[in-house]
């Protein structure tokens, strides 16, 4: 079972990496173009700033999913140095379960937000509806929920194996 989940996670990871490269390249190119156009020609791309803001949002959220995959999210580590390896696994199970539920909640909240944006029919630039550019919110929260659930299951499996050996 975990092999299939790991393959799915790896495939999502490859998509994330490719998207991040494309989005960061576009972000740098548009921002650099805006700077050059403003400084050299006293003009700019009318929709450039809105696009840069959207690209920052997308790269930030995709970066968050990558951090969740690699276990590199911000954490406060107060007690783990005093815990046994099994105790650390139990704490990891609790943290991953909590993170999973929070990400599920945020996924549903983001879906509600997207639904409201869709109903309002607001446009960001070039006739693109705002909800299209904000769709990254529920998608990345759902991916993070998947990852935390996967980490949760993996840690439970490891703890149950350790207990069966004892």
C-alpha atoms as a PDB file:
ATOM      1  CA  UNK A   1       0.000   0.000   0.000  1.00  0.00           C
ATOM      2  CA  UNK A   2       2.697   2.468   0.915  1.00  0.00           C
ATOM      3  CA  UNK A   3       4.508   1.828  -2.374  1.00  0.00           C
ATOM      4  CA  UNK A   4       1.530   3.098  -4.348  1.00  0.00           C
ATOM      5  CA  UNK A   5       1.237   6.162  -2.106  1.00  0.00           C
ATOM      6  CA  UNK A   6       4.950   6.827  -2.474  1.00  0.00           C
ATOM      7  CA  UNK A   7       4.668   6.616  -6.272  1.00  0.00           C
ATOM      8  CA  UNK A   8       1.716   9.027  -6.237  1.00  0.00           C
ATOM      9  CA  UNK A   9       3.634  11.365  -3.934  1.00  0.00           C
ATOM     10  CA  UNK A  10       6.715  11.166  -6.164  1.00  0.00           C
ATOM     11  CA  UNK A  11       4.629  11.964  -9.258  1.00  0.00           C
ATOM     12  CA  UNK A  12       3.072  14.960  -7.515  1.00  0.00           C
ATOM     13  CA  UNK A  13       6.590  15.984  -6.459  1.00  0.00           C
ATOM     14  CA  UNK A  14       7.808  15.942 -10.062  1.00  0.00           C
ATOM     15  CA  UNK A  15       4.877  18.118 -11.149  1.00  0.00           C
ATOM     16  CA  UNK A  16       5.597  20.505  -8.272  1.00  0.00           C
ATOM     17  CA  UNK A  17       9.275  20.778  -9.193  1.00  0.00           C
ATOM     18  CA  UNK A  18       8.463  21.473 -12.857  1.00  0.00           C
ATOM     19  CA  UNK A  19       5.789  24.020 -11.949  1.00  0.00           C
ATOM     20  CA  UNK A  20       8.131  25.735  -9.534  1.00  0.00           C
ATOM     21  CA  UNK A  21      10.841  26.066 -12.183  1.00  0.00           C
ATOM     22  CA  UNK A  22       8.394  27.455 -14.756  1.00  0.00           C
ATOM     23  CA  UNK A  23       6.685  29.820 -12.304  1.00  0.00           C
ATOM     24  CA  UNK A  24       9.921  31.143 -10.804  1.00  0.00           C
ATOM     25  CA  UNK A  25      11.365  31.688 -14.277  1.00  0.00           C
ATOM     26  CA  UNK A  26       8.244  33.585 -15.344  1.00  0.00           C
ATOM     27  CA  UNK A  27       8.275  35.546 -12.088  1.00  0.00           C
ATOM     28  CA  UNK A  28      11.891  36.619 -12.553  1.00  0.00           C
ATOM     29  CA  UNK A  29      11.373  37.429 -16.235  1.00  0.00           C
ATOM     30  CA  UNK A  30       8.239  39.543 -15.677  1.00  0.00           C
ATOM     31  CA  UNK A  31       9.680  41.348 -12.631  1.00  0.00           C
ATOM     32  CA  UNK A  32      12.964  42.060 -14.448  1.00  0.00           C
ATOM     33  CA  UNK A  33      11.053  43.275 -17.510  1.00  0.00           C
ATOM     34  CA  UNK A  34       8.948  45.587 -15.363  1.00  0.00           C
ATOM     35  CA  UNK A  35      12.042  47.075 -13.744  1.00  0.00           C
ATOM     36  CA  UNK A  36      13.809  47.574 -17.059  1.00  0.00           C
ATOM     37  CA  UNK A  37      10.753  49.053 -18.769  1.00  0.00           C
ATOM     38  CA  UNK A  38      10.146  51.469 -15.895  1.00  0.00           C
ATOM     39  CA  UNK A  39      13.762  52.579 -15.575  1.00  0.00           C
ATOM     40  CA  UNK A  40      14.641  52.791 -19.267  1.00  0.00           C
ATOM     41  CA  UNK A  41      11.361  53.739 -20.927  1.00  0.00           C
ATOM     42  CA  UNK A  42       9.197  55.107 -18.089  1.00  0.00           C
ATOM     43  CA  UNK A  43       6.524  52.555 -18.860  1.00  0.00           C
ATOM     44  CA  UNK A  44       5.659  48.983 -17.926  1.00  0.00           C
ATOM     45  CA  UNK A  45       3.363  46.089 -18.609  1.00  0.00           C
ATOM     46  CA  UNK A  46      -0.093  47.119 -17.384  1.00  0.00           C
ATOM     47  CA  UNK A  47      -0.907  43.687 -15.974  1.00  0.00           C
ATOM     48  CA  UNK A  48       2.667  42.824 -14.942  1.00  0.00           C
ATOM     49  CA  UNK A  49       2.349  43.663 -11.252  1.00  0.00           C
ATOM     50  CA  UNK A  50      -0.865  41.649 -10.875  1.00  0.00           C
ATOM     51  CA  UNK A  51       0.784  38.698 -12.605  1.00  0.00           C
ATOM     52  CA  UNK A  52       3.856  38.943 -10.366  1.00  0.00           C
ATOM     53  CA  UNK A  53       1.615  38.933  -7.266  1.00  0.00           C
ATOM     54  CA  UNK A  54      -0.181  35.836  -8.548  1.00  0.00           C
ATOM     55  CA  UNK A  55       3.111  34.117  -9.341  1.00  0.00           C
ATOM     56  CA  UNK A  56       4.388  34.863  -5.833  1.00  0.00           C
ATOM     57  CA  UNK A  57       1.206  33.306  -4.413  1.00  0.00           C
ATOM     58  CA  UNK A  58       1.608  30.192  -6.582  1.00  0.00           C
ATOM     59  CA  UNK A  59       5.329  29.733  -5.881  1.00  0.00           C
ATOM     60  CA  UNK A  60       4.780  30.218  -2.153  1.00  0.00           C
ATOM     61  CA  UNK A  61       2.032  27.636  -1.937  1.00  0.00           C
ATOM     62  CA  UNK A  62       3.838  25.134  -4.146  1.00  0.00           C
ATOM     63  CA  UNK A  63       6.902  25.657  -1.953  1.00  0.00           C
ATOM     64  CA  UNK A  64       4.716  24.860   1.065  1.00  0.00           C
ATOM     65  CA  UNK A  65       3.658  21.540  -0.471  1.00  0.00           C
ATOM     66  CA  UNK A  66       7.287  20.684  -1.173  1.00  0.00           C
ATOM     67  CA  UNK A  67       8.182  21.549   2.425  1.00  0.00           C
ATOM     68  CA  UNK A  68       5.376  19.259   3.613  1.00  0.00           C
ATOM     69  CA  UNK A  69       6.718  16.461   1.413  1.00  0.00           C
ATOM     70  CA  UNK A  70      10.245  16.818   2.746  1.00  0.00           C
ATOM     71  CA  UNK A  71       9.205  17.389   6.367  1.00  0.00           C
ATOM     72  CA  UNK A  72      10.748  20.859   6.329  1.00  0.00           C
ATOM     73  CA  UNK A  73       7.791  22.902   7.566  1.00  0.00           C
ATOM     74  CA  UNK A  74       8.317  25.264  10.466  1.00  0.00           C
ATOM     75  CA  UNK A  75       8.172  23.399  13.749  1.00  0.00           C
ATOM     76  CA  UNK A  76       8.815  24.095  17.390  1.00  0.00           C
ATOM     77  CA  UNK A  77      10.906  21.337  18.916  1.00  0.00           C
ATOM     78  CA  UNK A  78      10.801  21.578  22.687  1.00  0.00           C
ATOM     79  CA  UNK A  79      10.611  18.044  24.029  1.00  0.00           C
ATOM     80  CA  UNK A  80      11.962  15.676  21.374  1.00  0.00           C
ATOM     81  CA  UNK A  81      15.519  15.703  22.693  1.00  0.00           C
ATOM     82  CA  UNK A  82      14.265  14.035  25.873  1.00  0.00           C
ATOM     83  CA  UNK A  83      12.118  11.433  24.131  1.00  0.00           C
ATOM     84  CA  UNK A  84      12.991   7.935  23.033  1.00  0.00           C
ATOM     85  CA  UNK A  85      12.772   7.107  19.311  1.00  0.00           C
ATOM     86  CA  UNK A  86       9.364   5.520  19.933  1.00  0.00           C
ATOM     87  CA  UNK A  87       8.224   8.631  21.816  1.00  0.00           C
ATOM     88  CA  UNK A  88       9.355  10.801  18.913  1.00  0.00           C
ATOM     89  CA  UNK A  89       7.299   8.631  16.535  1.00  0.00           C
ATOM     90  CA  UNK A  90       4.218   8.973  18.745  1.00  0.00           C
ATOM     91  CA  UNK A  91       4.635  12.756  18.806  1.00  0.00           C
ATOM     92  CA  UNK A  92       5.091  12.705  15.004  1.00  0.00           C
ATOM     93  CA  UNK A  93       1.838  10.734  14.666  1.00  0.00           C
ATOM     94  CA  UNK A  94      -0.023  13.342  16.729  1.00  0.00           C
ATOM     95  CA  UNK A  95       1.520  16.240  14.813  1.00  0.00           C
ATOM     96  CA  UNK A  96       0.791  14.700  11.410  1.00  0.00           C
ATOM     97  CA  UNK A  97      -2.803  13.909  12.401  1.00  0.00           C
ATOM     98  CA  UNK A  98      -3.316  17.474  13.620  1.00  0.00           C
ATOM     99  CA  UNK A  99      -1.691  18.903  10.474  1.00  0.00           C
ATOM    100  CA  UNK A 100      -3.888  16.666   8.311  1.00  0.00           C
ATOM    101  CA  UNK A 101      -7.077  17.924   9.962  1.00  0.00           C
ATOM    102  CA  UNK A 102      -5.975  21.563   9.737  1.00  0.00           C
ATOM    103  CA  UNK A 103      -5.122  21.162   6.037  1.00  0.00           C
ATOM    104  CA  UNK A 104      -8.514  19.507   5.423  1.00  0.00           C
ATOM    105  CA  UNK A 105     -10.239  22.419   7.142  1.00  0.00           C
ATOM    106  CA  UNK A 106      -8.211  24.916   5.103  1.00  0.00           C
ATOM    107  CA  UNK A 107      -9.000  23.012   1.889  1.00  0.00           C
ATOM    108  CA  UNK A 108     -12.727  23.354   2.518  1.00  0.00           C
ATOM    109  CA  UNK A 109     -12.354  27.009   3.540  1.00  0.00           C
ATOM    110  CA  UNK A 110     -10.371  27.708   0.363  1.00  0.00           C
ATOM    111  CA  UNK A 111     -13.020  25.929  -1.733  1.00  0.00           C
ATOM    112  CA  UNK A 112     -15.674  28.155  -0.165  1.00  0.00           C
ATOM    113  CA  UNK A 113     -13.503  31.195  -0.908  1.00  0.00           C
ATOM    114  CA  UNK A 114     -13.081  30.091  -4.546  1.00  0.00           C
ATOM    115  CA  UNK A 115     -16.830  29.529  -4.822  1.00  0.00           C
ATOM    116  CA  UNK A 116     -17.479  33.068  -3.549  1.00  0.00           C
ATOM    117  CA  UNK A 117     -14.910  34.504  -5.976  1.00  0.00           C
ATOM    118  CA  UNK A 118     -16.567  32.584  -8.806  1.00  0.00           C
ATOM    119  CA  UNK A 119     -19.983  34.001  -7.888  1.00  0.00           C
ATOM    120  CA  UNK A 120     -18.616  37.557  -7.668  1.00  0.00           C
ATOM    121  CA  UNK A 121     -17.142  37.228 -11.174  1.00  0.00           C
ATOM    122  CA  UNK A 122     -14.202  39.459 -10.284  1.00  0.00           C
ATOM    123  CA  UNK A 123     -11.394  39.793 -12.809  1.00  0.00           C
ATOM    124  CA  UNK A 124      -7.700  40.217 -11.999  1.00  0.00           C
ATOM    125  CA  UNK A 125      -6.186  41.120 -15.389  1.00  0.00           C
ATOM    126  CA  UNK A 126      -6.600  40.383 -19.092  1.00  0.00           C
ATOM    127  CA  UNK A 127     -10.126  39.130 -18.455  1.00  0.00           C
ATOM    128  CA  UNK A 128      -8.875  36.269 -16.255  1.00  0.00           C
ATOM    129  CA  UNK A 129     -11.305  35.592 -13.394  1.00  0.00           C
ATOM    130  CA  UNK A 130      -9.710  35.908  -9.968  1.00  0.00           C
ATOM    131  CA  UNK A 131     -10.811  32.405  -8.939  1.00  0.00           C
ATOM    132  CA  UNK A 132      -8.667  30.878 -11.695  1.00  0.00           C
ATOM    133  CA  UNK A 133      -5.491  32.317 -10.209  1.00  0.00           C
ATOM    134  CA  UNK A 134      -6.605  31.540  -6.652  1.00  0.00           C
ATOM    135  CA  UNK A 135      -7.362  27.871  -7.384  1.00  0.00           C
ATOM    136  CA  UNK A 136      -3.872  27.109  -6.075  1.00  0.00           C
ATOM    137  CA  UNK A 137      -5.170  27.546  -2.506  1.00  0.00           C
ATOM    138  CA  UNK A 138      -7.473  24.507  -2.218  1.00  0.00           C
ATOM    139  CA  UNK A 139      -5.233  22.414  -4.472  1.00  0.00           C
ATOM    140  CA  UNK A 140      -2.121  22.896  -2.347  1.00  0.00           C
ATOM    141  CA  UNK A 141      -3.984  22.494   0.957  1.00  0.00           C
ATOM    142  CA  UNK A 142      -5.406  19.210  -0.380  1.00  0.00           C
ATOM    143  CA  UNK A 143      -1.921  18.052  -1.443  1.00  0.00           C
ATOM    144  CA  UNK A 144      -0.552  18.936   1.991  1.00  0.00           C
ATOM    145  CA  UNK A 145      -3.447  17.069   3.652  1.00  0.00           C
ATOM    146  CA  UNK A 146      -2.607  14.018   1.520  1.00  0.00           C
ATOM    147  CA  UNK A 147       1.048  14.259   2.532  1.00  0.00           C
ATOM    148  CA  UNK A 148       0.372  14.650   6.241  1.00  0.00           C
ATOM    149  CA  UNK A 149      -2.044  11.722   6.123  1.00  0.00           C
ATOM    150  CA  UNK A 150       0.635   9.682   4.350  1.00  0.00           C
ATOM    151  CA  UNK A 151       3.254  10.651   6.993  1.00  0.00           C
ATOM    152  CA  UNK A 152       0.701   9.784   9.698  1.00  0.00           C
ATOM    153  CA  UNK A 153       0.126   6.305   8.246  1.00  0.00           C
ATOM    154  CA  UNK A 154       3.832   5.720   7.730  1.00  0.00           C
ATOM    155  CA  UNK A 155       4.626   6.571  11.357  1.00  0.00           C
ATOM    156  CA  UNK A 156       1.792   4.377  12.644  1.00  0.00           C
ATOM    157  CA  UNK A 157       3.140   1.515  10.538  1.00  0.00           C
ATOM    158  CA  UNK A 158       6.653   2.030  11.952  1.00  0.00           C
ATOM    159  CA  UNK A 159       5.421   2.213  15.566  1.00  0.00           C
ATOM    160  CA  UNK A 160       3.288  -0.918  15.128  1.00  0.00           C
ATOM    161  CA  UNK A 161       6.291  -2.759  13.650  1.00  0.00           C
ATOM    162  CA  UNK A 162       8.443  -1.681  16.610  1.00  0.00           C
ATOM    163  CA  UNK A 163       5.787  -2.895  19.059  1.00  0.00           C
ATOM    164  CA  UNK A 164       5.477  -6.256  17.294  1.00  0.00           C
ATOM    165  CA  UNK A 165       9.250  -6.769  17.601  1.00  0.00           C
ATOM    166  CA  UNK A 166       9.182  -6.123  21.344  1.00  0.00           C
END
